[in-house]
């Protein structure tokens, strides 16, 4: 069983890249309480993934708690629970900035006590200096900076490419980073290239050219037609161009919804502003497309998906439902 005495004395503030190995390692190398804070979604997601991987690696129980829904009694029970079948437990508390006063006090009291057998990671998009709650948590353990510094995007792009197994020409990672502009968009670009690469990780030159030169050629109309026809390859090519232009979210929802509604009510939607659709939808297909749009919209309003993810969610559901994946 892990005890507080076993925990290594980690630096108070670490960059995300430096914190990952600690979180992936055994609980004995972690303080009882860690805080990952900062506005970069990609870095926070990596920190959580590392923390979860560490739990899997040592056979620890893993539990997720939502800070905005958490009650002090529930938190206290989770912190004091002992696993009968695992050597330790790890708890992730999402959005620490939304913890109420009672939960904050319960967490800090626990951290000041024995904290045997449990390691806790709390995450937030807020900066530590913004809230006294975050400052109090950071002062009791490991604080992890989830902010991208100048030059980080290119360095992370090279790391992403290496981790994905892609074999790209010299300078390709830097070009992707320059076009994407931030870490989350860069990770999405690398993921798209991975889908286009062969088994050995080699990407067709045309795919790289499309990513680097996509800034002027994105079309929501072409993307929506590709998605609705089940053309996965065409949808990915248009998505790469749209990402470079920063087009996503509700614009993608409307492009699909317009086509579906026009198929169901041709007269009412004869005014459609975009280019004429090349896809003829059956009534069933149109209703399925609207279901996908409404589901994505609900997910956005509930905070289950981000605006930047809407197009990918729609694409995955509709291309898969059509059962056609043309390169």
Protein backbone atom coordinates (compact mmCIF):
# COMPACT_ATOMS: atom_id res chain seq x y z
CA UNK A 1 0.00 0.00 0.00
CA UNK A 2 1.28 3.48 -0.86
CA UNK A 3 1.84 5.80 2.09
CA UNK A 4 2.51 9.49 2.18
CA UNK A 5 6.01 8.87 3.53
CA UNK A 6 6.80 6.95 0.35
CA UNK A 7 5.94 9.85 -1.94
CA UNK A 8 8.86 11.52 -3.66
CA UNK A 9 9.30 15.22 -3.03
CA UNK A 10 8.43 16.54 -6.49
CA UNK A 11 9.03 20.16 -7.57
CA UNK A 12 6.17 22.50 -6.78
CA UNK A 13 5.58 23.51 -10.41
CA UNK A 14 6.28 21.37 -13.47
CA UNK A 15 5.64 21.75 -17.17
CA UNK A 16 3.17 19.20 -18.55
CA UNK A 17 5.89 17.34 -20.48
CA UNK A 18 7.95 16.92 -17.32
CA UNK A 19 4.97 15.84 -15.22
CA UNK A 20 3.81 13.08 -17.57
CA UNK A 21 6.50 10.53 -16.60
CA UNK A 22 5.70 11.02 -12.91
CA UNK A 23 1.98 10.50 -13.47
CA UNK A 24 2.58 7.40 -15.59
CA UNK A 25 4.81 5.96 -12.91
CA UNK A 26 3.96 4.32 -9.59
CA UNK A 27 1.95 6.11 -6.93
CA UNK A 28 4.97 6.03 -4.61
CA UNK A 29 6.51 8.71 -6.85
CA UNK A 30 3.57 11.09 -6.50
CA UNK A 31 2.40 13.39 -3.71
CA UNK A 32 -1.16 12.67 -2.54
CA UNK A 33 -2.53 15.72 -4.37
CA UNK A 34 -1.67 17.11 -7.84
CA UNK A 35 -3.18 20.08 -9.67
CA UNK A 36 -3.07 20.49 -13.45
CA UNK A 37 -4.16 24.01 -14.38
CA UNK A 38 -4.15 26.12 -17.51
CA UNK A 39 -6.16 26.93 -20.60
CA UNK A 40 -4.62 24.40 -22.99
CA UNK A 41 -7.13 21.58 -23.46
CA UNK A 42 -4.63 19.30 -25.19
CA UNK A 43 -2.08 19.46 -22.36
CA UNK A 44 -4.74 18.84 -19.70
CA UNK A 45 -6.00 15.82 -21.66
CA UNK A 46 -2.47 14.42 -21.84
CA UNK A 47 -1.99 14.86 -18.10
CA UNK A 48 -5.21 12.99 -17.36
CA UNK A 49 -4.25 10.23 -19.82
CA UNK A 50 -0.88 9.85 -18.10
CA UNK A 51 -2.51 9.70 -14.67
CA UNK A 52 -4.95 7.04 -15.91
CA UNK A 53 -2.13 5.07 -17.56
CA UNK A 54 -0.25 5.08 -14.26
CA UNK A 55 -3.29 3.60 -12.54
CA UNK A 56 -3.56 0.87 -15.16
CA UNK A 57 0.14 0.14 -14.93
CA UNK A 58 0.07 -0.59 -11.21
CA UNK A 59 -3.40 -2.16 -11.14
CA UNK A 60 -4.92 0.72 -9.19
CA UNK A 61 -8.61 1.57 -9.08
CA UNK A 62 -9.48 4.71 -11.07
CA UNK A 63 -12.41 7.04 -10.37
CA UNK A 64 -13.59 10.26 -12.05
CA UNK A 65 -15.51 12.94 -10.16
CA UNK A 66 -17.05 16.14 -11.55
CA UNK A 67 -16.15 19.24 -9.53
CA UNK A 68 -19.35 21.14 -10.35
CA UNK A 69 -21.57 18.25 -9.21
CA UNK A 70 -19.53 16.97 -6.28
CA UNK A 71 -20.80 16.96 -2.70
CA UNK A 72 -18.51 16.95 0.32
CA UNK A 73 -19.91 13.65 1.66
CA UNK A 74 -19.35 11.93 -1.69
CA UNK A 75 -15.81 13.27 -1.90
CA UNK A 76 -14.97 12.25 1.66
CA UNK A 77 -16.25 8.74 1.03
CA UNK A 78 -14.17 8.44 -2.16
CA UNK A 79 -11.03 9.66 -0.41
CA UNK A 80 -11.41 7.30 2.53
CA UNK A 81 -12.50 4.21 0.61
CA UNK A 82 -10.11 1.26 0.62
CA UNK A 83 -9.91 -1.10 -2.34
CA UNK A 84 -10.06 -4.78 -1.50
CA UNK A 85 -8.62 -5.86 -4.84
CA UNK A 86 -6.11 -3.13 -5.81
CA UNK A 87 -2.93 -1.91 -4.09
CA UNK A 88 -3.90 1.75 -4.48
CA UNK A 89 -6.55 4.10 -5.84
CA UNK A 90 -6.40 7.11 -8.13
CA UNK A 91 -9.10 9.79 -8.29
CA UNK A 92 -9.46 12.45 -10.98
CA UNK A 93 -11.53 15.51 -10.05
CA UNK A 94 -12.44 17.47 -13.16
CA UNK A 95 -12.83 21.27 -12.97
CA UNK A 96 -11.46 22.04 -9.52
CA UNK A 97 -12.41 25.70 -9.90
CA UNK A 98 -16.05 24.72 -9.42
CA UNK A 99 -15.63 22.88 -6.12
CA UNK A 100 -17.83 24.31 -3.41
CA UNK A 101 -16.39 25.41 -0.05
CA UNK A 102 -17.29 22.18 1.75
CA UNK A 103 -15.59 20.05 -0.92
CA UNK A 104 -12.52 22.26 -0.88
CA UNK A 105 -12.20 21.89 2.89
CA UNK A 106 -12.71 18.12 2.71
CA UNK A 107 -10.01 17.80 0.05
CA UNK A 108 -7.48 19.97 1.87
CA UNK A 109 -8.12 18.25 5.20
CA UNK A 110 -7.54 14.90 3.56
CA UNK A 111 -4.33 16.11 1.91
CA UNK A 112 -3.03 17.33 5.28
CA UNK A 113 -3.72 13.93 6.84
CA UNK A 114 -2.46 10.42 6.20
CA UNK A 115 -3.78 10.08 2.61
CA UNK A 116 -2.73 6.43 2.59
CA UNK A 117 -3.24 4.47 -0.63
CA UNK A 118 -4.90 7.27 -2.64
CA UNK A 119 -3.57 9.72 -5.20
CA UNK A 120 -5.73 12.59 -6.45
CA UNK A 121 -5.39 14.69 -9.62
CA UNK A 122 -7.54 17.80 -9.96
CA UNK A 123 -7.73 19.71 -13.24
CA UNK A 124 -9.01 23.12 -14.28
CA UNK A 125 -8.79 25.48 -17.23
CA UNK A 126 -8.29 28.40 -14.83
CA UNK A 127 -4.91 29.79 -13.81
CA UNK A 128 -3.72 29.06 -10.28
CA UNK A 129 -3.43 32.76 -9.48
CA UNK A 130 -7.09 33.40 -10.27
CA UNK A 131 -8.60 31.59 -7.28
CA UNK A 132 -7.57 31.03 -3.67
CA UNK A 133 -9.00 27.50 -3.91
CA UNK A 134 -6.49 26.61 -6.61
CA UNK A 135 -3.65 28.27 -4.72
CA UNK A 136 -4.47 26.23 -1.62
CA UNK A 137 -4.53 22.98 -3.62
CA UNK A 138 -1.29 23.80 -5.44
CA UNK A 139 0.46 24.56 -2.16
CA UNK A 140 -0.19 21.04 -0.89
CA UNK A 141 1.27 19.01 -3.71
CA UNK A 142 2.41 18.99 -7.30
CA UNK A 143 1.33 21.85 -9.55
CA UNK A 144 1.38 21.22 -13.31
CA UNK A 145 1.33 24.03 -15.88
CA UNK A 146 -0.98 23.36 -18.83
CA UNK A 147 -0.07 26.44 -20.82
CA UNK A 148 1.63 26.40 -24.21
CA UNK A 149 4.75 28.56 -24.27
CA UNK A 150 6.30 30.18 -27.38
CA UNK A 151 7.78 27.43 -29.52
CA UNK A 152 5.82 24.68 -27.77
CA UNK A 153 3.53 23.95 -30.71
CA UNK A 154 6.39 22.89 -32.99
CA UNK A 155 8.08 20.81 -30.29
CA UNK A 156 4.82 19.08 -29.42
CA UNK A 157 4.05 18.52 -33.11
CA UNK A 158 7.33 16.64 -33.47
CA UNK A 159 6.48 14.59 -30.40
CA UNK A 160 2.97 13.83 -31.68
CA UNK A 161 4.37 12.67 -35.01
CA UNK A 162 6.86 10.42 -33.25
CA UNK A 163 4.24 8.91 -30.95
CA UNK A 164 1.86 8.28 -33.85
CA UNK A 165 4.45 6.30 -35.79
CA UNK A 166 4.25 8.61 -38.81
CA UNK A 167 7.24 8.93 -41.11
CA UNK A 168 7.18 12.48 -42.45
CA UNK A 169 9.69 14.52 -44.45
CA UNK A 170 11.97 16.93 -42.59
CA UNK A 171 10.09 20.08 -41.71
CA UNK A 172 6.63 18.54 -42.07
CA UNK A 173 5.89 18.69 -38.33
CA UNK A 174 6.84 22.36 -38.21
CA UNK A 175 4.62 23.06 -41.24
CA UNK A 176 1.67 21.31 -39.60
CA UNK A 177 2.23 23.27 -36.39
CA UNK A 178 2.44 26.56 -38.24
CA UNK A 179 -0.79 25.88 -40.08
CA UNK A 180 -2.68 24.65 -37.02
CA UNK A 181 -1.61 27.38 -34.62
CA UNK A 182 -2.38 25.58 -31.35
CA UNK A 183 -1.77 22.19 -29.77
CA UNK A 184 -5.30 20.82 -30.02
CA UNK A 185 -5.59 21.68 -33.72
CA UNK A 186 -2.10 20.26 -34.31
CA UNK A 187 -3.09 16.97 -32.65
CA UNK A 188 -6.15 16.79 -34.90
CA UNK A 189 -4.01 17.35 -37.99
CA UNK A 190 -1.61 14.60 -36.95
CA UNK A 191 -4.55 12.27 -36.29
CA UNK A 192 -5.89 12.94 -39.78
CA UNK A 193 -2.50 12.14 -41.29
CA UNK A 194 -2.41 8.90 -39.32
CA UNK A 195 -5.70 7.84 -40.95
CA UNK A 196 -4.22 8.55 -44.38
CA UNK A 197 -0.88 6.82 -43.74
CA UNK A 198 -0.05 3.27 -44.71
CA UNK A 199 0.87 0.49 -42.32
CA UNK A 200 4.50 1.66 -42.24
CA UNK A 201 3.48 5.21 -41.30
CA UNK A 202 4.25 6.72 -44.71
CA UNK A 203 1.84 9.46 -45.80
CA UNK A 204 1.06 10.07 -49.50
CA UNK A 205 2.65 13.34 -50.71
CA UNK A 206 -0.75 14.58 -51.84
CA UNK A 207 -2.05 14.39 -48.26
CA UNK A 208 0.83 16.49 -46.94
CA UNK A 209 0.36 19.00 -49.75
CA UNK A 210 -3.34 19.24 -48.93
CA UNK A 211 -2.63 19.96 -45.27
CA UNK A 212 -0.03 22.62 -46.00
CA UNK A 213 -1.95 24.24 -48.81
CA UNK A 214 -5.47 23.94 -47.49
CA UNK A 215 -5.81 27.49 -46.25
CA UNK A 216 -7.58 28.71 -49.35
CA UNK A 217 -9.63 25.71 -50.39
CA UNK A 218 -11.96 24.62 -47.58
CA UNK A 219 -15.67 24.23 -48.30
CA UNK A 220 -18.40 23.37 -45.80
CA UNK A 221 -20.68 22.54 -48.72
CA UNK A 222 -18.24 19.99 -50.13
CA UNK A 223 -17.58 18.61 -46.64
CA UNK A 224 -21.31 18.20 -45.92
CA UNK A 225 -21.89 16.50 -49.28
CA UNK A 226 -18.99 14.11 -48.65
CA UNK A 227 -20.26 13.25 -45.17
CA UNK A 228 -23.83 12.68 -46.33
CA UNK A 229 -22.71 10.51 -49.25
CA UNK A 230 -20.45 8.40 -47.03
CA UNK A 231 -17.25 9.58 -48.73
CA UNK A 232 -14.88 9.35 -45.77
CA UNK A 233 -11.77 10.26 -47.78
CA UNK A 234 -13.38 13.35 -49.29
CA UNK A 235 -14.70 14.43 -45.89
CA UNK A 236 -11.22 14.15 -44.34
CA UNK A 237 -9.63 16.18 -47.15
CA UNK A 238 -12.17 18.97 -46.77
CA UNK A 239 -11.86 18.78 -42.97
CA UNK A 240 -8.10 19.39 -43.22
CA UNK A 241 -8.72 22.52 -45.28
CA UNK A 242 -11.46 23.75 -42.95
CA UNK A 243 -9.28 23.22 -39.89
CA UNK A 244 -6.58 25.38 -41.45
CA UNK A 245 -9.18 28.13 -41.89
CA UNK A 246 -10.56 27.71 -38.37
CA UNK A 247 -14.03 26.67 -39.59
CA UNK A 248 -15.94 24.18 -37.44
CA UNK A 249 -18.68 24.09 -34.83
CA UNK A 250 -22.19 25.33 -35.55
CA UNK A 251 -21.33 26.17 -39.16
CA UNK A 252 -20.86 22.45 -39.77
CA UNK A 253 -24.13 21.66 -37.99
CA UNK A 254 -26.03 24.10 -40.20
CA UNK A 255 -24.45 22.81 -43.43
CA UNK A 256 -25.70 19.29 -42.70
CA UNK A 257 -29.06 20.43 -41.30
CA UNK A 258 -29.82 22.55 -44.37
CA UNK A 259 -29.38 19.58 -46.69
CA UNK A 260 -31.43 17.27 -44.52
CA UNK A 261 -34.27 19.78 -44.12
CA UNK A 262 -34.22 20.55 -47.84
CA UNK A 263 -34.67 16.83 -48.56
CA UNK A 264 -37.65 16.65 -46.20
CA UNK A 265 -39.24 19.99 -47.18
CA UNK A 266 -37.93 21.06 -50.61
CA UNK A 267 -40.19 24.09 -50.97
CA UNK A 268 -39.50 25.54 -47.54
CA UNK A 269 -35.73 25.32 -48.01
CA UNK A 270 -35.53 26.28 -51.68
CA UNK A 271 -33.78 29.51 -50.62
CA UNK A 272 -30.71 27.61 -49.37
CA UNK A 273 -27.73 29.98 -49.35
CA UNK A 274 -24.93 27.49 -50.07
CA UNK A 275 -24.00 25.74 -53.28
CA UNK A 276 -26.51 23.19 -54.60
CA UNK A 277 -26.03 19.81 -52.98
CA UNK A 278 -24.74 16.94 -55.09
CA UNK A 279 -26.32 14.36 -52.77
CA UNK A 280 -29.87 13.04 -53.02
CA UNK A 281 -31.06 11.99 -49.57
CA UNK A 282 -33.85 9.54 -48.85
CA UNK A 283 -36.32 10.49 -46.15
CA UNK A 284 -34.72 8.01 -43.76
CA UNK A 285 -31.20 9.33 -44.47
CA UNK A 286 -32.34 12.93 -44.00
CA UNK A 287 -33.95 12.12 -40.65
CA UNK A 288 -30.81 10.25 -39.59
CA UNK A 289 -28.71 13.30 -40.47
CA UNK A 290 -30.98 15.56 -38.41
CA UNK A 291 -30.76 13.15 -35.48
CA UNK A 292 -26.97 13.41 -35.65
CA UNK A 293 -27.17 17.22 -35.77
CA UNK A 294 -29.53 17.41 -32.79
CA UNK A 295 -27.40 14.95 -30.79
CA UNK A 296 -24.25 17.00 -31.42
CA UNK A 297 -26.05 20.22 -30.52
CA UNK A 298 -27.26 18.72 -27.23
CA UNK A 299 -23.76 17.47 -26.47
CA UNK A 300 -22.37 20.97 -27.04
CA UNK A 301 -24.94 22.62 -24.76
CA UNK A 302 -24.32 20.07 -22.01
CA UNK A 303 -20.58 20.54 -22.22
CA UNK A 304 -20.00 16.93 -23.34
CA UNK A 305 -18.20 18.01 -26.52
CA UNK A 306 -16.34 21.16 -27.53
CA UNK A 307 -17.23 23.40 -30.45
CA UNK A 308 -14.04 22.32 -32.22
CA UNK A 309 -15.15 18.68 -32.03
CA UNK A 310 -18.64 19.06 -33.54
CA UNK A 311 -17.61 18.46 -37.14
CA UNK A 312 -15.66 15.32 -36.25
CA UNK A 313 -18.60 13.95 -34.23
CA UNK A 314 -21.01 14.50 -37.13
CA UNK A 315 -18.54 13.07 -39.64
CA UNK A 316 -17.89 9.91 -37.65
CA UNK A 317 -21.58 9.16 -37.12
CA UNK A 318 -22.84 9.87 -40.63
CA UNK A 319 -19.96 8.40 -42.67
CA UNK A 320 -20.12 5.23 -40.59
CA UNK A 321 -23.91 5.00 -40.98
CA UNK A 322 -23.63 5.23 -44.76
CA UNK A 323 -21.15 2.35 -44.71
CA UNK A 324 -19.06 3.73 -47.58
CA UNK A 325 -15.45 4.85 -47.17
CA UNK A 326 -14.02 5.96 -50.49
CA UNK A 327 -10.40 7.13 -50.49
